[in-house]
C-alpha atoms as a PDB file:
ATOM      1  CA  MET A   1     141.874 105.350  60.772  1.00  0.00           C
ATOM      2  CA  GLU A   2     144.919 104.407  59.747  1.00  0.00           C
ATOM      3  CA  GLU A   3     147.062 107.260  60.870  1.00  0.00           C
ATOM      4  CA  GLN A   4     145.151 106.302  64.636  1.00  0.00           C
ATOM      5  CA  PHE A   5     144.970 102.609  64.579  1.00  0.00           C
ATOM      6  CA  ALA A   6     147.714 101.209  62.004  1.00  0.00           C
ATOM      7  CA  VAL A   7     144.057  99.788  59.557  1.00  0.00           C
ATOM      8  CA  LYS A   8     143.426 100.107  56.150  1.00  0.00           C
ATOM      9  CA  GLY A   9     140.240  98.968  54.177  1.00  0.00           C
ATOM     10  CA  ARG A  10     136.732  99.501  52.594  1.00  0.00           C
ATOM     11  CA  ILE A  11     134.318 101.320  54.488  1.00  0.00           C
ATOM     12  CA  ARG A  12     130.954 101.047  54.908  1.00  0.00           C
ATOM     13  CA  PRO A  13     127.937 102.342  56.890  1.00  0.00           C
ATOM     14  CA  LEU A  14     125.412 100.885  59.642  1.00  0.00           C
ATOM     15  CA  ARG A  15     122.499 101.829  60.931  1.00  0.00           C
ATOM     16  CA  SER A  16     122.671 102.647  64.546  1.00  0.00           C
ATOM     17  CA  GLU A  17     120.780 104.616  66.957  1.00  0.00           C
ATOM     18  CA  ARG A  18     122.375 107.166  68.277  1.00  0.00           C
ATOM     19  CA  ASP A  19     126.518 106.379  67.506  1.00  0.00           C
ATOM     20  CA  GLU A  20     127.974 106.414  63.718  1.00  0.00           C
ATOM     21  CA  ASN A  21     128.933 103.138  62.850  1.00  0.00           C
ATOM     22  CA  PHE A  22     130.868 101.743  59.972  1.00  0.00           C
ATOM     23  CA  LEU A  23     131.667  98.348  59.000  1.00  0.00           C
ATOM     24  CA  VAL A  24     135.901  98.242  58.137  1.00  0.00           C
ATOM     25  CA  GLU A  25     136.711  95.707  56.137  1.00  0.00           C
ATOM     26  CA  SER A  26     141.087  94.905  55.125  1.00  0.00           C
ATOM     27  CA  ASP A  27     142.374  92.319  53.390  1.00  0.00           C
ATOM     28  CA  THR A  28     142.911  90.055  56.448  1.00  0.00           C
ATOM     29  CA  ALA A  29     139.565  91.302  59.060  1.00  0.00           C
ATOM     30  CA  ARG A  30     136.769  93.755  59.689  1.00  0.00           C
ATOM     31  CA  PHE A  31     136.225  96.080  62.206  1.00  0.00           C
ATOM     32  CA  VAL A  32     133.245  98.636  63.905  1.00  0.00           C
ATOM     33  CA  LEU A  33     134.398 101.709  63.521  1.00  0.00           C
ATOM     34  CA  LYS A  34     132.352 103.421  66.064  1.00  0.00           C
ATOM     35  CA  PHE A  35     131.751 107.527  66.347  1.00  0.00           C
ATOM     36  CA  ALA A  36     130.744 108.818  69.641  1.00  0.00           C
ATOM     37  CA  ASN A  37     127.316 110.895  69.560  1.00  0.00           C
ATOM     38  CA  PRO A  38     128.333 114.176  69.484  1.00  0.00           C
ATOM     39  CA  ALA A  39     125.919 115.091  72.986  1.00  0.00           C
ATOM     40  CA  GLU A  40     127.192 112.207  74.784  1.00  0.00           C
ATOM     41  CA  ALA A  41     129.740 113.746  77.307  1.00  0.00           C
ATOM     42  CA  ALA A  42     132.883 112.294  77.144  1.00  0.00           C
ATOM     43  CA  PRO A  43     133.105 110.573  80.597  1.00  0.00           C
ATOM     44  CA  ILE A  44     129.596 108.423  79.349  1.00  0.00           C
ATOM     45  CA  THR A  45     131.897 107.145  76.431  1.00  0.00           C
ATOM     46  CA  HIS A  46     134.807 106.685  78.489  1.00  0.00           C
ATOM     47  CA  PHE A  47     132.790 104.831  81.389  1.00  0.00           C
ATOM     48  CA  GLN A  48     131.533 101.837  78.060  1.00  0.00           C
ATOM     49  CA  THR A  49     134.851 101.536  76.993  1.00  0.00           C
ATOM     50  CA  ASN A  50     136.648 101.119  80.239  1.00  0.00           C
ATOM     51  CA  ALA A  51     133.680  98.639  81.061  1.00  0.00           C
ATOM     52  CA  MET A  52     134.009  96.423  78.042  1.00  0.00           C
ATOM     53  CA  LEU A  53     138.240  96.752  78.368  1.00  0.00           C
ATOM     54  CA  HIS A  54     138.065  94.987  82.298  1.00  0.00           C
ATOM     55  CA  LEU A  55     135.255  92.715  80.976  1.00  0.00           C
ATOM     56  CA  ALA A  56     137.530  91.189  78.213  1.00  0.00           C
ATOM     57  CA  GLN A  57     139.805  90.841  80.914  1.00  0.00           C
ATOM     58  CA  ALA A  58     137.853  89.707  83.583  1.00  0.00           C
ATOM     59  CA  ALA A  59     136.059  87.037  81.492  1.00  0.00           C
ATOM     60  CA  PRO A  60     137.934  86.816  78.232  1.00  0.00           C
ATOM     61  CA  GLU A  61     136.466  83.924  76.790  1.00  0.00           C
ATOM     62  CA  LEU A  62     133.014  85.510  76.814  1.00  0.00           C
ATOM     63  CA  PRO A  63     132.177  86.445  72.498  1.00  0.00           C
ATOM     64  CA  ILE A  64     132.334  90.565  73.231  1.00  0.00           C
ATOM     65  CA  PRO A  65     133.661  92.731  70.384  1.00  0.00           C
ATOM     66  CA  ARG A  66     137.380  93.950  71.687  1.00  0.00           C
ATOM     67  CA  ILE A  67     138.796  97.225  71.724  1.00  0.00           C
ATOM     68  CA  VAL A  68     140.984  97.794  69.235  1.00  0.00           C
ATOM     69  CA  GLN A  69     144.252 100.509  70.993  1.00  0.00           C
ATOM     70  CA  THR A  70     145.220 103.311  68.928  1.00  0.00           C
ATOM     71  CA  SER A  71     148.962 103.696  67.664  1.00  0.00           C
ATOM     72  CA  ALA A  72     149.294 105.785  71.231  1.00  0.00           C
ATOM     73  CA  GLY A  73     147.533 102.861  73.431  1.00  0.00           C
ATOM     74  CA  LYS A  74     144.097 104.026  74.021  1.00  0.00           C
ATOM     75  CA  GLY A  75     140.945 102.608  73.944  1.00  0.00           C
ATOM     76  CA  PHE A  76     140.052 105.807  71.643  1.00  0.00           C
ATOM     77  CA  ALA A  77     140.773 108.735  70.094  1.00  0.00           C
ATOM     78  CA  GLU A  78     139.568 111.974  69.516  1.00  0.00           C
ATOM     79  CA  LEU A  79     139.154 113.546  65.955  1.00  0.00           C
ATOM     80  CA  VAL A  80     138.455 117.291  65.424  1.00  0.00           C
ATOM     81  CA  ALA A  81     135.493 117.439  62.769  1.00  0.00           C
ATOM     82  CA  PRO A  82     134.862 119.648  59.954  1.00  0.00           C
ATOM     83  CA  ASP A  83     132.753 122.251  62.422  1.00  0.00           C
ATOM     84  CA  GLY A  84     135.514 121.886  65.233  1.00  0.00           C
ATOM     85  CA  SER A  85     133.945 119.737  67.419  1.00  0.00           C
ATOM     86  CA  VAL A  86     135.505 116.766  68.720  1.00  0.00           C
ATOM     87  CA  ARG A  87     134.863 113.616  68.296  1.00  0.00           C
ATOM     88  CA  ILE A  88     135.361 110.699  70.244  1.00  0.00           C
ATOM     89  CA  VAL A  89     136.316 107.326  67.836  1.00  0.00           C
ATOM     90  CA  ARG A  90     137.036 103.968  68.464  1.00  0.00           C
ATOM     91  CA  LEU A  91     137.339 100.595  66.640  1.00  0.00           C
ATOM     92  CA  LEU A  92     136.127  97.404  67.392  1.00  0.00           C
ATOM     93  CA  THR A  93     136.218  93.882  66.407  1.00  0.00           C
ATOM     94  CA  PHE A  94     134.276  92.751  64.348  1.00  0.00           C
ATOM     95  CA  LEU A  95     131.901  89.435  65.460  1.00  0.00           C
ATOM     96  CA  PRO A  96     130.394  87.222  62.407  1.00  0.00           C
ATOM     97  CA  GLY A  97     127.059  85.666  62.979  1.00  0.00           C
ATOM     98  CA  ILE A  98     123.114  85.638  62.342  1.00  0.00           C
ATOM     99  CA  MET A  99     121.096  88.367  64.888  1.00  0.00           C
ATOM    100  CA  VAL A 100     118.818  85.975  67.123  1.00  0.00           C
ATOM    101  CA  ALA A 101     115.697  88.334  65.621  1.00  0.00           C
ATOM    102  CA  GLU A 102     116.389  86.028  62.595  1.00  0.00           C
ATOM    103  CA  VAL A 103     115.985  82.789  64.033  1.00  0.00           C
ATOM    104  CA  LYS A 104     113.053  81.101  65.981  1.00  0.00           C
ATOM    105  CA  PRO A 105     114.399  80.609  69.447  1.00  0.00           C
ATOM    106  CA  THR A 106     114.476  77.054  70.928  1.00  0.00           C
ATOM    107  CA  PRO A 107     113.740  76.612  74.662  1.00  0.00           C
ATOM    108  CA  LYS A 108     117.963  76.025  75.145  1.00  0.00           C
ATOM    109  CA  LEU A 109     119.139  78.902  72.807  1.00  0.00           C
ATOM    110  CA  ARG A 110     117.081  80.736  75.539  1.00  0.00           C
ATOM    111  CA  ALA A 111     118.378  78.680  78.707  1.00  0.00           C
ATOM    112  CA  GLN A 112     121.933  79.453  77.182  1.00  0.00           C
ATOM    113  CA  MET A 113     121.033  83.365  76.706  1.00  0.00           C
ATOM    114  CA  GLY A 114     119.962  83.452  79.863  1.00  0.00           C
ATOM    115  CA  THR A 115     123.987  81.578  81.119  1.00  0.00           C
ATOM    116  CA  MET A 116     125.683  83.532  79.038  1.00  0.00           C
ATOM    117  CA  LEU A 117     124.417  87.367  80.100  1.00  0.00           C
ATOM    118  CA  ALA A 118     124.902  85.823  84.206  1.00  0.00           C
ATOM    119  CA  ARG A 119     128.564  85.601  82.400  1.00  0.00           C
ATOM    120  CA  ILE A 120     128.611  88.681  81.905  1.00  0.00           C
ATOM    121  CA  ASP A 121     126.909  89.913  84.548  1.00  0.00           C
ATOM    122  CA  THR A 122     129.068  87.958  86.679  1.00  0.00           C
ATOM    123  CA  GLY A 123     132.583  89.423  84.763  1.00  0.00           C
ATOM    124  CA  LEU A 124     131.220  93.247  85.419  1.00  0.00           C
ATOM    125  CA  SER A 125     129.966  93.063  89.243  1.00  0.00           C
ATOM    126  CA  GLY A 126     134.104  93.897  89.165  1.00  0.00           C
ATOM    127  CA  PHE A 127     133.913  96.528  87.521  1.00  0.00           C
ATOM    128  CA  SER A 128     134.346  99.853  89.870  1.00  0.00           C
ATOM    129  CA  ASP A 129     134.890 102.318  87.942  1.00  0.00           C
ATOM    130  CA  PRO A 130     132.677 105.722  88.991  1.00  0.00           C
ATOM    131  CA  SER A 131     129.275 105.681  87.097  1.00  0.00           C
ATOM    132  CA  PRO A 132     129.455 109.099  85.401  1.00  0.00           C
ATOM    133  CA  LEU A 133     125.920 111.459  86.060  1.00  0.00           C
ATOM    134  CA  HIS A 134     123.869 111.024  82.450  1.00  0.00           C
ATOM    135  CA  ASP A 135     119.908 110.789  81.518  1.00  0.00           C
ATOM    136  CA  LEU A 136     120.328 107.495  80.274  1.00  0.00           C
ATOM    137  CA  SER A 137     116.258 106.973  78.773  1.00  0.00           C
ATOM    138  CA  TRP A 138     116.686 103.333  79.214  1.00  0.00           C
ATOM    139  CA  ASP A 139     117.780 103.866  82.541  1.00  0.00           C
ATOM    140  CA  MET A 140     114.816 101.621  84.174  1.00  0.00           C
ATOM    141  CA  GLU A 141     115.477 102.628  87.553  1.00  0.00           C
ATOM    142  CA  ARG A 142     114.265 106.401  86.143  1.00  0.00           C
ATOM    143  CA  ALA A 143     111.015 104.530  84.242  1.00  0.00           C
ATOM    144  CA  GLY A 144     108.565 106.971  85.832  1.00  0.00           C
ATOM    145  CA  GLN A 145     110.694 110.027  84.171  1.00  0.00           C
ATOM    146  CA  LEU A 146     108.084 108.517  81.102  1.00  0.00           C
ATOM    147  CA  ARG A 147     104.181 109.213  81.955  1.00  0.00           C
ATOM    148  CA  PRO A 148     104.432 112.234  79.989  1.00  0.00           C
ATOM    149  CA  LEU A 149     105.528 110.162  76.797  1.00  0.00           C
ATOM    150  CA  ILE A 150     102.595 108.362  76.951  1.00  0.00           C
ATOM    151  CA  GLY A 151     100.150 110.840  75.788  1.00  0.00           C
ATOM    152  CA  ASN A 152     102.227 110.415  72.088  1.00  0.00           C
ATOM    153  CA  VAL A 153     101.588 106.818  71.619  1.00  0.00           C
ATOM    154  CA  ALA A 154      99.244 106.396  69.283  1.00  0.00           C
ATOM    155  CA  GLU A 155      96.423 103.395  69.818  1.00  0.00           C
ATOM    156  CA  LYS A 156      94.887 103.882  72.980  1.00  0.00           C
ATOM    157  CA  ALA A 157      94.857 100.631  74.256  1.00  0.00           C
ATOM    158  CA  ASN A 158      98.474 100.734  74.150  1.00  0.00           C
ATOM    159  CA  ARG A 159      98.476 104.138  76.232  1.00  0.00           C
ATOM    160  CA  VAL A 160      96.266 101.993  78.703  1.00  0.00           C
ATOM    161  CA  LEU A 161      98.444  98.958  78.798  1.00  0.00           C
ATOM    162  CA  ALA A 162     101.359 101.401  79.056  1.00  0.00           C
ATOM    163  CA  GLU A 163     100.194 103.039  81.790  1.00  0.00           C
ATOM    164  CA  ARG A 164      99.038 100.020  84.134  1.00  0.00           C
ATOM    165  CA  ALA A 165     102.318  98.761  83.675  1.00  0.00           C
ATOM    166  CA  LEU A 166     104.482 102.758  85.301  1.00  0.00           C
ATOM    167  CA  ASP A 167     101.845 102.480  87.824  1.00  0.00           C
ATOM    168  CA  ASP A 168     102.987  99.102  88.980  1.00  0.00           C
ATOM    169  CA  PHE A 169     106.499 100.207  88.784  1.00  0.00           C
ATOM    170  CA  GLU A 170     105.717 102.827  91.163  1.00  0.00           C
ATOM    171  CA  ALA A 171     104.045 100.971  93.508  1.00  0.00           C
ATOM    172  CA  PHE A 172     106.116  97.744  93.496  1.00  0.00           C
ATOM    173  CA  ALA A 173     109.303  97.548  92.644  1.00  0.00           C
ATOM    174  CA  GLU A 174     110.798 101.469  92.761  1.00  0.00           C
ATOM    175  CA  PRO A 175     109.973 101.721  96.028  1.00  0.00           C
ATOM    176  CA  ALA A 176     112.140  98.362  96.895  1.00  0.00           C
ATOM    177  CA  PHE A 177     115.301  99.269  94.513  1.00  0.00           C
ATOM    178  CA  PRO A 178     117.300 100.387  97.786  1.00  0.00           C
ATOM    179  CA  GLN A 179     117.429  96.829  98.742  1.00  0.00           C
ATOM    180  CA  LEU A 180     118.366  95.677  95.697  1.00  0.00           C
ATOM    181  CA  ARG A 181     121.354  94.220  94.833  1.00  0.00           C
ATOM    182  CA  THR A 182     123.425  97.247  92.367  1.00  0.00           C
ATOM    183  CA  GLN A 183     126.458  96.863  89.422  1.00  0.00           C
ATOM    184  CA  VAL A 184     127.253  97.569  85.806  1.00  0.00           C
ATOM    185  CA  ILE A 185     125.069  95.589  83.459  1.00  0.00           C
ATOM    186  CA  HIS A 186     124.772  95.042  80.346  1.00  0.00           C
ATOM    187  CA  ASN A 187     121.141  97.058  80.199  1.00  0.00           C
ATOM    188  CA  ASP A 188     120.344  96.000  76.592  1.00  0.00           C
ATOM    189  CA  LEU A 189     120.527  92.641  75.700  1.00  0.00           C
ATOM    190  CA  ASN A 190     117.906  92.350  73.069  1.00  0.00           C
ATOM    191  CA  PRO A 191     117.522  90.036  70.172  1.00  0.00           C
ATOM    192  CA  PHE A 192     119.570  92.460  67.731  1.00  0.00           C
ATOM    193  CA  ASN A 193     122.438  92.054  70.469  1.00  0.00           C
ATOM    194  CA  VAL A 194     122.606  88.967  70.134  1.00  0.00           C
ATOM    195  CA  LEU A 195     124.502  86.627  67.519  1.00  0.00           C
ATOM    196  CA  VAL A 196     124.136  83.060  66.872  1.00  0.00           C
ATOM    197  CA  ASP A 197     126.399  80.722  64.937  1.00  0.00           C
ATOM    198  CA  GLU A 198     124.873  80.753  61.076  1.00  0.00           C
ATOM    199  CA  ALA A 199     125.126  77.397  60.738  1.00  0.00           C
ATOM    200  CA  ALA A 200     124.239  76.245  64.718  1.00  0.00           C
ATOM    201  CA  HIS A 201     121.394  78.532  65.806  1.00  0.00           C
ATOM    202  CA  GLU A 202     121.633  77.289  69.697  1.00  0.00           C
ATOM    203  CA  ARG A 203     125.359  78.272  70.026  1.00  0.00           C
ATOM    204  CA  ILE A 204     125.658  81.847  71.149  1.00  0.00           C
ATOM    205  CA  VAL A 205     128.492  83.540  68.798  1.00  0.00           C
ATOM    206  CA  GLY A 206     128.064  86.801  69.700  1.00  0.00           C
ATOM    207  CA  ILE A 207     127.033  89.955  72.569  1.00  0.00           C
ATOM    208  CA  LEU A 208     126.695  93.478  71.386  1.00  0.00           C
ATOM    209  CA  ASP A 209     126.039  97.483  71.884  1.00  0.00           C
ATOM    210  CA  PHE A 210     127.655  98.151  75.652  1.00  0.00           C
ATOM    211  CA  GLY A 211     125.863 101.899  74.780  1.00  0.00           C
ATOM    212  CA  ASP A 212     123.249 101.142  77.188  1.00  0.00           C
ATOM    213  CA  ILE A 213     125.491  99.823  80.350  1.00  0.00           C
ATOM    214  CA  VAL A 214     124.678 102.146  83.733  1.00  0.00           C
ATOM    215  CA  ARG A 215     125.107 100.799  86.882  1.00  0.00           C
ATOM    216  CA  ALA A 216     121.440  99.743  88.574  1.00  0.00           C
ATOM    217  CA  PRO A 217     119.768  96.512  90.560  1.00  0.00           C
ATOM    218  CA  LEU A 218     121.322  93.583  89.180  1.00  0.00           C
ATOM    219  CA  VAL A 219     117.695  92.253  88.462  1.00  0.00           C
ATOM    220  CA  HIS A 220     117.091  95.060  85.630  1.00  0.00           C
ATOM    221  CA  ASP A 221     119.784  93.111  83.222  1.00  0.00           C
ATOM    222  CA  ILE A 222     117.452  89.609  83.080  1.00  0.00           C
ATOM    223  CA  ALA A 223     113.876  92.123  83.476  1.00  0.00           C
ATOM    224  CA  ILE A 224     115.600  93.526  80.270  1.00  0.00           C
ATOM    225  CA  ALA A 225     116.123  90.453  78.867  1.00  0.00           C
ATOM    226  CA  ALA A 226     112.808  88.470  79.464  1.00  0.00           C
ATOM    227  CA  SER A 227     111.684  91.054  78.012  1.00  0.00           C
ATOM    228  CA  TYR A 228     111.802  90.003  74.992  1.00  0.00           C
ATOM    229  CA  HIS A 229     111.060  86.653  74.712  1.00  0.00           C
ATOM    230  CA  VAL A 230     107.527  86.354  76.344  1.00  0.00           C
ATOM    231  CA  GLY A 231     105.760  83.965  74.774  1.00  0.00           C
ATOM    232  CA  ALA A 232     102.311  83.938  72.757  1.00  0.00           C
ATOM    233  CA  ALA A 233     101.014  80.197  74.633  1.00  0.00           C
ATOM    234  CA  SER A 234      98.984  79.534  77.470  1.00  0.00           C
ATOM    235  CA  ASN A 235     101.614  80.413  79.703  1.00  0.00           C
ATOM    236  CA  PRO A 236     103.003  83.916  78.486  1.00  0.00           C
ATOM    237  CA  LEU A 237     105.668  83.619  81.017  1.00  0.00           C
ATOM    238  CA  GLN A 238     107.063  80.276  79.965  1.00  0.00           C
ATOM    239  CA  PRO A 239     109.617  81.089  77.373  1.00  0.00           C
ATOM    240  CA  VAL A 240     110.828  83.707  80.394  1.00  0.00           C
ATOM    241  CA  ALA A 241     111.560  81.142  83.062  1.00  0.00           C
ATOM    242  CA  GLU A 242     113.167  79.126  80.581  1.00  0.00           C
ATOM    243  CA  MET A 243     116.245  82.101  80.004  1.00  0.00           C
ATOM    244  CA  LEU A 244     115.588  82.832  84.005  1.00  0.00           C
ATOM    245  CA  GLY A 245     116.277  79.002  84.586  1.00  0.00           C
ATOM    246  CA  GLY A 246     119.979  79.347  82.576  1.00  0.00           C
ATOM    247  CA  TYR A 247     120.879  82.776  84.269  1.00  0.00           C
ATOM    248  CA  ARG A 248     120.297  81.318  88.151  1.00  0.00           C
ATOM    249  CA  THR A 249     122.793  78.198  87.280  1.00  0.00           C
ATOM    250  CA  ILE A 250     125.501  80.661  87.554  1.00  0.00           C
ATOM    251  CA  LEU A 251     124.193  83.738  89.495  1.00  0.00           C
ATOM    252  CA  PRO A 252     120.733  82.952  91.377  1.00  0.00           C
ATOM    253  CA  LEU A 253     118.604  85.684  92.503  1.00  0.00           C
ATOM    254  CA  GLU A 254     117.547  86.542  95.652  1.00  0.00           C
ATOM    255  CA  PRO A 255     113.725  86.303  96.429  1.00  0.00           C
ATOM    256  CA  LEU A 256     113.280  89.900  96.538  1.00  0.00           C
ATOM    257  CA  GLU A 257     114.032  90.163  92.986  1.00  0.00           C
ATOM    258  CA  LEU A 258     112.340  87.317  91.730  1.00  0.00           C
ATOM    259  CA  GLU A 259     108.779  89.145  93.308  1.00  0.00           C
ATOM    260  CA  LEU A 260     109.895  91.575  91.290  1.00  0.00           C
ATOM    261  CA  LEU A 261     111.400  90.521  87.859  1.00  0.00           C
ATOM    262  CA  PRO A 262     107.117  90.313  86.378  1.00  0.00           C
ATOM    263  CA  ASP A 263     107.311  94.593  87.373  1.00  0.00           C
ATOM    264  CA  LEU A 264     110.689  94.554  85.797  1.00  0.00           C
ATOM    265  CA  ILE A 265     109.524  93.022  82.916  1.00  0.00           C
ATOM    266  CA  ALA A 266     106.466  94.837  82.296  1.00  0.00           C
ATOM    267  CA  THR A 267     108.637  98.578  82.964  1.00  0.00           C
ATOM    268  CA  ARG A 268     110.946  97.178  80.172  1.00  0.00           C
ATOM    269  CA  LEU A 269     108.251  96.559  77.622  1.00  0.00           C
ATOM    270  CA  ALA A 270     106.051  99.987  78.222  1.00  0.00           C
ATOM    271  CA  MET A 271     109.323 101.769  78.145  1.00  0.00           C
ATOM    272  CA  THR A 272     109.830 100.553  75.001  1.00  0.00           C
ATOM    273  CA  VAL A 273     106.364 101.608  73.778  1.00  0.00           C
ATOM    274  CA  LEU A 274     106.707 104.630  75.402  1.00  0.00           C
ATOM    275  CA  ILE A 275     110.282 105.538  74.068  1.00  0.00           C
ATOM    276  CA  THR A 276     110.212 103.816  70.174  1.00  0.00           C
ATOM    277  CA  GLU A 277     107.418 105.761  69.551  1.00  0.00           C
ATOM    278  CA  TRP A 278     108.456 109.295  70.580  1.00  0.00           C
ATOM    279  CA  ARG A 279     111.382 109.038  69.143  1.00  0.00           C
ATOM    280  CA  ALA A 280     109.632 107.839  65.412  1.00  0.00           C
ATOM    281  CA  ALA A 281     107.773 110.614  65.539  1.00  0.00           C
ATOM    282  CA  HIS A 282     111.186 113.216  66.204  1.00  0.00           C
ATOM    283  CA  PHE A 283     112.916 110.980  63.781  1.00  0.00           C
ATOM    284  CA  PRO A 284     110.685 109.495  60.534  1.00  0.00           C
ATOM    285  CA  GLU A 285     114.090 109.064  58.977  1.00  0.00           C
ATOM    286  CA  ASN A 286     114.797 106.326  61.491  1.00  0.00           C
ATOM    287  CA  LYS A 287     111.392 105.378  61.787  1.00  0.00           C
ATOM    288  CA  PRO A 288     112.011 101.551  61.116  1.00  0.00           C
ATOM    289  CA  TYR A 289     114.747 101.509  62.454  1.00  0.00           C
ATOM    290  CA  ILE A 290     113.684 102.385  66.061  1.00  0.00           C
ATOM    291  CA  LEU A 291     110.501 100.280  65.329  1.00  0.00           C
ATOM    292  CA  LYS A 292     112.135  97.625  65.245  1.00  0.00           C
ATOM    293  CA  ASN A 293     111.581  96.177  68.526  1.00  0.00           C
ATOM    294  CA  HIS A 294     108.035  97.955  68.786  1.00  0.00           C
ATOM    295  CA  PRO A 295     105.565  94.900  68.088  1.00  0.00           C
ATOM    296  CA  ALA A 296     106.921  92.761  70.079  1.00  0.00           C
ATOM    297  CA  ALA A 297     107.202  94.886  73.385  1.00  0.00           C
ATOM    298  CA  VAL A 298     103.250  95.757  72.420  1.00  0.00           C
ATOM    299  CA  ALA A 299     102.461  92.102  71.962  1.00  0.00           C
ATOM    300  CA  GLY A 300     104.129  91.185  75.284  1.00  0.00           C
ATOM    301  CA  LEU A 301     102.706  93.739  76.927  1.00  0.00           C
ATOM    302  CA  THR A 302      99.478  92.219  75.806  1.00  0.00           C
ATOM    303  CA  ARG A 303     100.258  88.731  77.039  1.00  0.00           C
ATOM    304  CA  LEU A 304     100.840  89.926  80.469  1.00  0.00           C
ATOM    305  CA  ALA A 305      97.789  91.578  80.939  1.00  0.00           C
ATOM    306  CA  GLN A 306      96.147  87.898  81.096  1.00  0.00           C
ATOM    307  CA  LEU A 307      97.718  86.988  84.580  1.00  0.00           C
ATOM    308  CA  SER A 308      97.505  88.364  87.671  1.00  0.00           C
ATOM    309  CA  ARG A 309     100.624  90.497  88.919  1.00  0.00           C
ATOM    310  CA  ASP A 310     100.220  86.761  91.544  1.00  0.00           C
ATOM    311  CA  GLU A 311     100.154  84.829  89.250  1.00  0.00           C
ATOM    312  CA  ALA A 312     103.451  85.695  87.453  1.00  0.00           C
ATOM    313  CA  ARG A 313     105.294  86.081  90.785  1.00  0.00           C
ATOM    314  CA  LYS A 314     104.475  82.746  91.567  1.00  0.00           C
ATOM    315  CA  PHE A 315     105.179  80.962  88.132  1.00  0.00           C
ATOM    316  CA  LEU A 316     108.712  82.868  88.457  1.00  0.00           C
ATOM    317  CA  GLY A 317     109.177  81.165  91.501  1.00  0.00           C
ATOM    318  CA  GLY A 318     108.550  84.656  93.386  1.00  0.00           C
ATOM    319  CA  GLY A 319     105.766  84.055  95.168  1.00  0.00           C
ATOM    320  CA  ALA A 320     104.193  81.448  97.989  1.00  0.00           C
END
């Protein structure tokens, strides 16, 4: 690392889903050292790197990690592992703060999350690198391909909820994709990827993890972020409306995007249930980390089931 990035410090591992991440602490700064998953093709990793470099230039005020260039002036290094494989390594600046998952979100914080996401999407709108073809499980355009995983869901009630969400996705959302605005999106603004100030929980200080970025319908990004904020009040979409309000102050949605938003929120929740249960069964040693969003996803699907599709659309402004 010292040879490649001219950085020397103490290293300790961080938990992650796919990559191998390490916290690097030097005498003056902290960094995150990322070893790309060897199963991930190099063009995919480079796509992520180039998107972050673009966003840092297009919207330098955004609190995202910065790519630290190598001594050779590149955004990544290549190291040969003991088994002979080549690993792509990146060094990112470390962002201090606490995760939104550790605080109680307020309407103001949700609105600011929506605003921040819209600013990210606006910054990424000019990113034109060709998107590599890869089978990303978290790409909502491919949600229908997850139907075979329904049988792996332990609880029958959860299987029914997930199946209903995929039915609506295939009936209403998927056929409309060719009509939607498409660009590169963050694709994973969940409460573990947003940092707030330790002393001011309504001030966002960091947006993490660009490992799931993909070229997809723009509305997917706000649907994904909103899916983690389906509430328990009389109308479970009230917190969603708060986040959506912040998003629309920067980036208004088109009528069809608003109409499909409830279907896409439910789809993302179903994906979270299906993918996390499947992965937890295959990687039991990492089960607590993999299932961190599972309970909220089940709760969200259960609450959304209380509303008809028309009620949900009208509440969010997508129906007459």
